Amino acid sequence: MVRLKARYILFDILTVPREPLTRCTEKELLLTIHSTTSPSLTQRQIADLIRKQVLKLFGDFGNGVLSSSMVVKYFSSKTSTGIIRCSRDYYQMVCCALTTITNVLGKDVIIRVLSVSGTIKKCEQAAIERNRQLMRKLNTKIEEDGILDIDEDDEDTD
């Protein structure tokens, strides 16, 4: 029996601001772009969006080869991050379709492919590391603004 080889694609959905953010801090920009997606966005809707885009870009051939092998394994509307499993031979079609999607539920978005892996465990680890880096960026910006000076205040009260 032949084992089916798969690829796992980690992606995130970035929200495009309606108006240009020219006079905002880096923290505000990060929070605006990485905002949560609508809770009504489901894994099935994401899969349908990808299938429609693959059909548009690659025609019936692309739709045929990905119709049975592509599955959205995970999606979180809180972090706007998801994982897709697809055939190893055609994962580039899915990546191409993801990056060309510009509208989700009536909102302008940019979908980034963050990582491609052979196992879901490595994909999950990449997602965790990405979130840690994002939190570090946000926390250093908060510390520079002087909001997290709680430790210094606690030492003075003793």
N, C-alpha and C. Protein backbone atom coordinates (compact mmCIF):
# COMPACT_ATOMS: atom_id res chain seq x y z
N MET A 1 0.84 -1.18 0.00
CA MET A 1 0.00 0.00 0.00
C MET A 1 0.89 1.25 0.00
N VAL A 2 0.53 2.21 -0.79
CA VAL A 2 1.33 3.43 -0.93
C VAL A 2 0.82 4.49 0.03
N ARG A 3 1.75 5.11 0.72
CA ARG A 3 1.38 6.17 1.65
C ARG A 3 1.26 7.48 0.90
N LEU A 4 0.23 8.24 1.20
CA LEU A 4 0.05 9.53 0.55
C LEU A 4 0.91 10.58 1.25
N LYS A 5 1.71 11.27 0.49
CA LYS A 5 2.56 12.32 1.03
C LYS A 5 1.79 13.62 1.06
N ALA A 6 1.91 14.33 2.15
CA ALA A 6 1.15 15.58 2.29
C ALA A 6 2.08 16.71 2.71
N ARG A 7 1.63 17.90 2.48
CA ARG A 7 2.30 19.11 2.96
C ARG A 7 1.30 19.88 3.80
N TYR A 8 1.81 20.52 4.83
CA TYR A 8 0.99 21.35 5.71
C TYR A 8 1.42 22.79 5.52
N ILE A 9 0.46 23.65 5.25
CA ILE A 9 0.73 25.05 4.95
C ILE A 9 0.17 25.91 6.08
N LEU A 10 1.05 26.66 6.72
CA LEU A 10 0.65 27.60 7.77
C LEU A 10 0.44 28.96 7.12
N PHE A 11 -0.72 29.56 7.36
CA PHE A 11 -1.02 30.86 6.77
C PHE A 11 -1.65 31.77 7.81
N ASP A 12 -1.58 33.06 7.56
CA ASP A 12 -2.33 34.00 8.40
C ASP A 12 -3.01 35.03 7.52
N ILE A 13 -4.07 35.59 8.07
CA ILE A 13 -4.88 36.57 7.35
C ILE A 13 -4.64 37.93 7.97
N LEU A 14 -4.12 38.86 7.17
CA LEU A 14 -3.87 40.22 7.62
C LEU A 14 -4.98 41.12 7.13
N THR A 15 -5.46 41.99 8.00
CA THR A 15 -6.52 42.91 7.64
C THR A 15 -5.93 44.17 7.03
N VAL A 16 -6.45 44.57 5.89
CA VAL A 16 -5.99 45.80 5.24
C VAL A 16 -6.79 46.95 5.83
N PRO A 17 -6.12 47.97 6.38
CA PRO A 17 -6.86 49.10 6.95
C PRO A 17 -7.63 49.85 5.86
N ARG A 18 -8.78 50.36 6.22
CA ARG A 18 -9.62 51.09 5.26
C ARG A 18 -8.99 52.42 4.86
N GLU A 19 -8.29 53.04 5.78
CA GLU A 19 -7.64 54.32 5.49
C GLU A 19 -6.15 54.18 5.76
N PRO A 20 -5.32 54.93 5.07
CA PRO A 20 -3.87 54.82 5.27
C PRO A 20 -3.48 55.22 6.69
N LEU A 21 -2.61 54.41 7.28
CA LEU A 21 -2.15 54.67 8.64
C LEU A 21 -0.77 55.32 8.57
N THR A 22 -0.74 56.60 8.32
CA THR A 22 0.53 57.28 8.15
C THR A 22 1.11 57.77 9.47
N ARG A 23 0.26 58.16 10.39
CA ARG A 23 0.74 58.72 11.66
C ARG A 23 0.39 57.81 12.83
N CYS A 24 0.87 56.61 12.78
CA CYS A 24 0.60 55.70 13.90
C CYS A 24 1.91 55.02 14.29
N THR A 25 1.93 54.52 15.50
CA THR A 25 3.12 53.84 15.99
C THR A 25 3.17 52.43 15.40
N GLU A 26 4.31 51.80 15.56
CA GLU A 26 4.47 50.44 15.05
C GLU A 26 3.53 49.49 15.77
N LYS A 27 3.33 49.72 17.07
CA LYS A 27 2.42 48.88 17.85
C LYS A 27 0.99 48.99 17.32
N GLU A 28 0.53 50.20 17.05
CA GLU A 28 -0.82 50.39 16.51
C GLU A 28 -0.96 49.72 15.15
N LEU A 29 0.07 49.82 14.34
CA LEU A 29 0.05 49.20 13.02
C LEU A 29 -0.04 47.67 13.15
N LEU A 30 0.78 47.09 14.04
CA LEU A 30 0.74 45.65 14.25
C LEU A 30 -0.63 45.19 14.73
N LEU A 31 -1.21 45.94 15.67
CA LEU A 31 -2.52 45.57 16.20
C LEU A 31 -3.61 45.71 15.15
N THR A 32 -3.50 46.69 14.27
CA THR A 32 -4.50 46.87 13.22
C THR A 32 -4.41 45.76 12.18
N ILE A 33 -3.21 45.46 11.74
CA ILE A 33 -3.03 44.45 10.70
C ILE A 33 -3.34 43.05 11.21
N HIS A 34 -2.95 42.75 12.44
CA HIS A 34 -3.15 41.41 13.01
C HIS A 34 -4.44 41.32 13.82
N SER A 35 -5.46 42.05 13.43
CA SER A 35 -6.72 42.00 14.17
C SER A 35 -7.42 40.67 13.92
N THR A 36 -8.37 40.35 14.79
CA THR A 36 -9.08 39.08 14.67
C THR A 36 -10.00 39.11 13.45
N THR A 37 -10.23 37.94 12.90
CA THR A 37 -11.18 37.84 11.80
C THR A 37 -12.57 37.57 12.37
N SER A 38 -13.54 37.65 11.52
CA SER A 38 -14.92 37.44 11.95
C SER A 38 -15.11 36.02 12.48
N PRO A 39 -15.78 35.87 13.62
CA PRO A 39 -16.02 34.52 14.15
C PRO A 39 -16.89 33.67 13.23
N SER A 40 -17.59 34.31 12.31
CA SER A 40 -18.43 33.55 11.38
C SER A 40 -17.62 32.89 10.26
N LEU A 41 -16.34 33.23 10.14
CA LEU A 41 -15.48 32.61 9.12
C LEU A 41 -15.10 31.21 9.59
N THR A 42 -15.50 30.22 8.82
CA THR A 42 -15.27 28.83 9.21
C THR A 42 -14.23 28.17 8.31
N GLN A 43 -13.81 26.98 8.73
CA GLN A 43 -12.85 26.22 7.94
C GLN A 43 -13.44 25.87 6.57
N ARG A 44 -14.72 25.56 6.55
CA ARG A 44 -15.38 25.22 5.28
C ARG A 44 -15.37 26.41 4.32
N GLN A 45 -15.63 27.62 4.84
CA GLN A 45 -15.63 28.81 3.98
C GLN A 45 -14.23 29.08 3.43
N ILE A 46 -13.21 28.87 4.25
CA ILE A 46 -11.84 29.06 3.78
C ILE A 46 -11.52 28.05 2.67
N ALA A 47 -11.90 26.80 2.88
CA ALA A 47 -11.66 25.78 1.85
C ALA A 47 -12.40 26.13 0.56
N ASP A 48 -13.62 26.62 0.67
CA ASP A 48 -14.37 27.01 -0.53
C ASP A 48 -13.72 28.19 -1.25
N LEU A 49 -13.22 29.17 -0.48
CA LEU A 49 -12.50 30.30 -1.09
C LEU A 49 -11.28 29.83 -1.87
N ILE A 50 -10.53 28.91 -1.27
CA ILE A 50 -9.32 28.40 -1.91
C ILE A 50 -9.68 27.62 -3.17
N ARG A 51 -10.70 26.78 -3.07
CA ARG A 51 -11.11 25.99 -4.25
C ARG A 51 -11.56 26.89 -5.40
N LYS A 52 -12.32 27.94 -5.08
CA LYS A 52 -12.75 28.87 -6.12
C LYS A 52 -11.56 29.56 -6.77
N GLN A 53 -10.58 29.94 -5.94
CA GLN A 53 -9.40 30.62 -6.47
C GLN A 53 -8.54 29.67 -7.31
N VAL A 54 -8.42 28.41 -6.88
CA VAL A 54 -7.68 27.41 -7.66
C VAL A 54 -8.37 27.19 -9.00
N LEU A 55 -9.70 27.11 -8.99
CA LEU A 55 -10.45 26.95 -10.23
C LEU A 55 -10.22 28.14 -11.16
N LYS A 56 -10.20 29.32 -10.59
CA LYS A 56 -9.98 30.54 -11.38
C LYS A 56 -8.57 30.58 -11.98
N LEU A 57 -7.58 30.17 -11.19
CA LEU A 57 -6.18 30.26 -11.63
C LEU A 57 -5.74 29.08 -12.49
N PHE A 58 -6.16 27.85 -12.11
CA PHE A 58 -5.63 26.65 -12.76
C PHE A 58 -6.68 25.83 -13.49
N GLY A 59 -7.92 26.29 -13.47
CA GLY A 59 -8.98 25.62 -14.23
C GLY A 59 -9.39 24.29 -13.63
N ASP A 60 -9.95 23.44 -14.49
CA ASP A 60 -10.46 22.15 -14.04
C ASP A 60 -9.35 21.22 -13.56
N PHE A 61 -8.18 21.33 -14.16
CA PHE A 61 -7.06 20.48 -13.72
C PHE A 61 -6.73 20.75 -12.26
N GLY A 62 -6.54 22.02 -11.91
CA GLY A 62 -6.23 22.37 -10.53
C GLY A 62 -7.33 21.97 -9.57
N ASN A 63 -8.56 22.20 -9.98
CA ASN A 63 -9.70 21.84 -9.15
C ASN A 63 -9.75 20.32 -8.93
N GLY A 64 -9.45 19.57 -9.98
CA GLY A 64 -9.49 18.12 -9.88
C GLY A 64 -8.43 17.54 -8.97
N VAL A 65 -7.21 18.03 -9.09
CA VAL A 65 -6.13 17.44 -8.29
C VAL A 65 -6.21 17.86 -6.82
N LEU A 66 -6.84 18.98 -6.53
CA LEU A 66 -6.91 19.43 -5.14
C LEU A 66 -8.24 19.16 -4.46
N SER A 67 -9.25 18.75 -5.23
CA SER A 67 -10.58 18.61 -4.64
C SER A 67 -10.62 17.57 -3.52
N SER A 68 -9.90 16.48 -3.67
CA SER A 68 -9.96 15.43 -2.65
C SER A 68 -8.83 15.51 -1.63
N SER A 69 -7.73 16.17 -1.98
CA SER A 69 -6.57 16.13 -1.08
C SER A 69 -6.44 17.36 -0.18
N MET A 70 -7.16 18.43 -0.44
CA MET A 70 -7.00 19.65 0.35
C MET A 70 -8.02 19.72 1.48
N VAL A 71 -7.52 19.94 2.71
CA VAL A 71 -8.37 20.05 3.89
C VAL A 71 -7.83 21.16 4.78
N VAL A 72 -8.70 22.00 5.28
CA VAL A 72 -8.29 23.00 6.28
C VAL A 72 -8.34 22.28 7.63
N LYS A 73 -7.17 22.01 8.20
CA LYS A 73 -7.08 21.24 9.44
C LYS A 73 -7.33 22.10 10.67
N TYR A 74 -6.98 23.38 10.60
CA TYR A 74 -7.09 24.24 11.78
C TYR A 74 -7.28 25.68 11.31
N PHE A 75 -8.16 26.40 11.99
CA PHE A 75 -8.27 27.84 11.78
C PHE A 75 -8.76 28.48 13.06
N SER A 76 -8.08 29.54 13.48
CA SER A 76 -8.47 30.29 14.66
C SER A 76 -8.82 31.71 14.23
N SER A 77 -10.04 32.13 14.53
CA SER A 77 -10.43 33.50 14.18
C SER A 77 -9.79 34.50 15.14
N LYS A 78 -9.37 34.05 16.32
CA LYS A 78 -8.72 34.95 17.28
C LYS A 78 -7.35 35.39 16.79
N THR A 79 -6.58 34.44 16.26
CA THR A 79 -5.23 34.76 15.78
C THR A 79 -5.17 34.92 14.27
N SER A 80 -6.27 34.63 13.58
CA SER A 80 -6.34 34.68 12.11
C SER A 80 -5.28 33.79 11.47
N THR A 81 -5.04 32.65 12.08
CA THR A 81 -4.02 31.72 11.62
C THR A 81 -4.67 30.37 11.31
N GLY A 82 -4.18 29.71 10.27
CA GLY A 82 -4.73 28.41 9.91
C GLY A 82 -3.68 27.48 9.33
N ILE A 83 -4.05 26.19 9.28
CA ILE A 83 -3.18 25.16 8.71
C ILE A 83 -4.00 24.37 7.69
N ILE A 84 -3.42 24.18 6.52
CA ILE A 84 -4.06 23.44 5.44
C ILE A 84 -3.21 22.22 5.11
N ARG A 85 -3.86 21.06 4.94
CA ARG A 85 -3.17 19.87 4.46
C ARG A 85 -3.53 19.67 2.99
N CYS A 86 -2.51 19.41 2.17
CA CYS A 86 -2.76 19.16 0.75
C CYS A 86 -1.71 18.20 0.22
N SER A 87 -1.89 17.79 -1.01
CA SER A 87 -0.97 16.86 -1.65
C SER A 87 0.41 17.50 -1.82
N ARG A 88 1.44 16.69 -1.62
CA ARG A 88 2.81 17.20 -1.74
C ARG A 88 3.11 17.67 -3.16
N ASP A 89 2.53 17.03 -4.14
CA ASP A 89 2.81 17.37 -5.53
C ASP A 89 2.21 18.70 -5.95
N TYR A 90 1.14 19.12 -5.27
CA TYR A 90 0.41 20.31 -5.73
C TYR A 90 0.28 21.39 -4.66
N TYR A 91 1.13 21.37 -3.65
CA TYR A 91 1.02 22.37 -2.58
C TYR A 91 1.27 23.79 -3.10
N GLN A 92 2.06 23.91 -4.17
CA GLN A 92 2.34 25.24 -4.72
C GLN A 92 1.09 25.89 -5.30
N MET A 93 0.17 25.09 -5.79
CA MET A 93 -1.11 25.64 -6.27
C MET A 93 -1.89 26.27 -5.13
N VAL A 94 -1.89 25.61 -3.98
CA VAL A 94 -2.61 26.13 -2.82
C VAL A 94 -1.95 27.41 -2.34
N CYS A 95 -0.62 27.43 -2.29
CA CYS A 95 0.10 28.65 -1.87
C CYS A 95 -0.22 29.80 -2.82
N CYS A 96 -0.23 29.53 -4.10
CA CYS A 96 -0.53 30.56 -5.09
C CYS A 96 -1.96 31.07 -4.92
N ALA A 97 -2.90 30.15 -4.72
CA ALA A 97 -4.30 30.55 -4.54
C ALA A 97 -4.46 31.38 -3.26
N LEU A 98 -3.79 30.99 -2.19
CA LEU A 98 -3.89 31.73 -0.93
C LEU A 98 -3.42 33.17 -1.09
N THR A 99 -2.29 33.34 -1.74
CA THR A 99 -1.72 34.68 -1.84
C THR A 99 -2.49 35.59 -2.79
N THR A 100 -3.33 35.02 -3.65
CA THR A 100 -4.09 35.86 -4.57
C THR A 100 -5.51 36.17 -4.07
N ILE A 101 -5.90 35.60 -2.94
CA ILE A 101 -7.21 35.94 -2.35
C ILE A 101 -7.10 37.31 -1.71
N THR A 102 -7.99 38.22 -2.08
CA THR A 102 -7.92 39.59 -1.56
C THR A 102 -9.15 40.02 -0.78
N ASN A 103 -10.19 39.20 -0.78
CA ASN A 103 -11.43 39.59 -0.11
C ASN A 103 -12.02 38.40 0.62
N VAL A 104 -12.26 38.56 1.92
CA VAL A 104 -12.88 37.51 2.72
C VAL A 104 -14.04 38.12 3.47
N LEU A 105 -15.23 37.62 3.22
CA LEU A 105 -16.45 38.11 3.87
C LEU A 105 -16.62 39.62 3.73
N GLY A 106 -16.29 40.14 2.56
CA GLY A 106 -16.48 41.57 2.29
C GLY A 106 -15.40 42.47 2.84
N LYS A 107 -14.35 41.92 3.44
CA LYS A 107 -13.24 42.73 3.96
C LYS A 107 -12.01 42.50 3.10
N ASP A 108 -11.26 43.58 2.87
CA ASP A 108 -10.01 43.46 2.13
C ASP A 108 -8.96 42.84 3.05
N VAL A 109 -8.30 41.81 2.54
CA VAL A 109 -7.31 41.09 3.34
C VAL A 109 -6.09 40.76 2.49
N ILE A 110 -5.03 40.40 3.18
CA ILE A 110 -3.84 39.84 2.56
C ILE A 110 -3.59 38.53 3.28
N ILE A 111 -3.44 37.45 2.52
CA ILE A 111 -3.16 36.16 3.14
C ILE A 111 -1.70 35.82 2.88
N ARG A 112 -0.97 35.58 3.96
CA ARG A 112 0.46 35.25 3.87
C ARG A 112 0.67 33.77 4.15
N VAL A 113 1.51 33.15 3.37
CA VAL A 113 1.95 31.79 3.66
C VAL A 113 3.19 31.93 4.53
N LEU A 114 3.11 31.40 5.75
CA LEU A 114 4.20 31.56 6.71
C LEU A 114 5.18 30.40 6.69
N SER A 115 4.66 29.20 6.46
CA SER A 115 5.52 28.03 6.52
C SER A 115 4.89 26.88 5.74
N VAL A 116 5.73 26.05 5.16
CA VAL A 116 5.29 24.81 4.52
C VAL A 116 6.10 23.69 5.14
N SER A 117 5.42 22.64 5.60
CA SER A 117 6.10 21.58 6.31
C SER A 117 5.55 20.22 5.90
N GLY A 118 6.32 19.19 6.19
CA GLY A 118 5.88 17.83 5.90
C GLY A 118 5.07 17.21 7.01
N THR A 119 5.12 17.80 8.21
CA THR A 119 4.34 17.29 9.33
C THR A 119 3.55 18.42 9.97
N ILE A 120 2.43 18.07 10.55
CA ILE A 120 1.59 19.08 11.19
C ILE A 120 2.26 19.59 12.48
N LYS A 121 3.06 18.74 13.11
CA LYS A 121 3.74 19.14 14.35
C LYS A 121 4.71 20.30 14.08
N LYS A 122 5.48 20.21 13.03
CA LYS A 122 6.42 21.29 12.69
C LYS A 122 5.67 22.57 12.31
N CYS A 123 4.54 22.40 11.67
CA CYS A 123 3.72 23.56 11.30
C CYS A 123 3.18 24.24 12.56
N GLU A 124 2.72 23.45 13.53
CA GLU A 124 2.23 24.01 14.79
C GLU A 124 3.35 24.72 15.54
N GLN A 125 4.55 24.13 15.53
CA GLN A 125 5.69 24.77 16.20
C GLN A 125 6.03 26.09 15.54
N ALA A 126 5.94 26.16 14.22
CA ALA A 126 6.20 27.42 13.51
C ALA A 126 5.16 28.46 13.89
N ALA A 127 3.91 28.04 14.05
CA ALA A 127 2.85 28.98 14.45
C ALA A 127 3.09 29.51 15.86
N ILE A 128 3.50 28.63 16.76
CA ILE A 128 3.79 29.05 18.14
C ILE A 128 4.95 30.03 18.17
N GLU A 129 6.01 29.74 17.43
CA GLU A 129 7.17 30.63 17.39
C GLU A 129 6.81 31.98 16.79
N ARG A 130 5.99 31.98 15.75
CA ARG A 130 5.55 33.23 15.13
C ARG A 130 4.76 34.08 16.12
N ASN A 131 3.86 33.45 16.88
CA ASN A 131 3.08 34.18 17.87
C ASN A 131 3.97 34.72 18.99
N ARG A 132 4.97 33.96 19.39
CA ARG A 132 5.90 34.44 20.42
C ARG A 132 6.67 35.67 19.94
N GLN A 133 7.13 35.63 18.69
CA GLN A 133 7.85 36.77 18.14
C GLN A 133 6.97 38.00 18.06
N LEU A 134 5.72 37.81 17.67
CA LEU A 134 4.78 38.93 17.59
C LEU A 134 4.53 39.51 18.98
N MET A 135 4.36 38.65 19.98
CA MET A 135 4.14 39.12 21.35
C MET A 135 5.37 39.85 21.88
N ARG A 136 6.56 39.35 21.54
CA ARG A 136 7.78 40.04 21.97
C ARG A 136 7.84 41.44 21.39
N LYS A 137 7.49 41.56 20.10
CA LYS A 137 7.48 42.88 19.47
C LYS A 137 6.51 43.81 20.18
N LEU A 138 5.32 43.31 20.45
CA LEU A 138 4.30 44.14 21.10
C LEU A 138 4.71 44.48 22.53
N ASN A 139 5.28 43.54 23.26
CA ASN A 139 5.68 43.80 24.64
C ASN A 139 6.84 44.78 24.73
N THR A 140 7.79 44.70 23.82
CA THR A 140 8.89 45.66 23.87
C THR A 140 8.39 47.06 23.55
N LYS A 141 7.42 47.15 22.66
CA LYS A 141 6.86 48.47 22.36
C LYS A 141 6.11 49.02 23.57
N ILE A 142 5.41 48.14 24.29
CA ILE A 142 4.69 48.58 25.48
C ILE A 142 5.67 49.01 26.56
N GLU A 143 6.76 48.25 26.75
CA GLU A 143 7.75 48.60 27.77
C GLU A 143 8.42 49.94 27.45
N GLU A 144 8.66 50.19 26.16
CA GLU A 144 9.27 51.47 25.78
C GLU A 144 8.33 52.63 26.08
N ASP A 145 7.03 52.39 25.98
CA ASP A 145 6.05 53.43 26.28
C ASP A 145 5.90 53.67 27.78
N GLY A 146 6.47 52.79 28.60
CA GLY A 146 6.42 52.98 30.05
C GLY A 146 5.17 52.44 30.70
N ILE A 147 4.48 51.57 30.03
CA ILE A 147 3.24 51.04 30.61
C ILE A 147 3.53 49.88 31.55
N LEU A 148 4.57 49.11 31.30
CA LEU A 148 4.86 47.94 32.12
C LEU A 148 5.92 48.22 33.19
N ASP A 149 5.84 49.30 33.88
CA ASP A 149 6.77 49.61 34.95
C ASP A 149 6.21 49.19 36.30
N ILE A 150 5.44 48.13 36.34
CA ILE A 150 4.79 47.68 37.56
C ILE A 150 5.81 47.16 38.55
N ASP A 151 6.84 46.45 38.09
CA ASP A 151 7.85 45.88 38.99
C ASP A 151 8.55 46.96 39.80
N GLU A 152 8.85 48.08 39.19
CA GLU A 152 9.53 49.16 39.89
C GLU A 152 8.64 49.74 40.99
N ASP A 153 7.34 49.85 40.74
CA ASP A 153 6.42 50.38 41.74
C ASP A 153 6.29 49.43 42.92
N ASP A 154 6.30 48.11 42.66
CA ASP A 154 6.17 47.14 43.74
C ASP A 154 7.37 47.19 44.68
N GLU A 155 8.56 47.45 44.16
CA GLU A 155 9.75 47.51 45.00
C GLU A 155 9.72 48.73 45.91
N ASP A 156 9.13 49.83 45.47
CA ASP A 156 9.08 51.05 46.27
C ASP A 156 8.14 50.94 47.45
N THR A 157 7.13 50.09 47.39
CA THR A 157 6.14 49.98 48.45
C THR A 157 6.64 49.17 49.63
N ASP A 158 7.69 48.38 49.48
CA ASP A 158 8.20 47.55 50.58
C ASP A 158 8.93 48.34 51.62
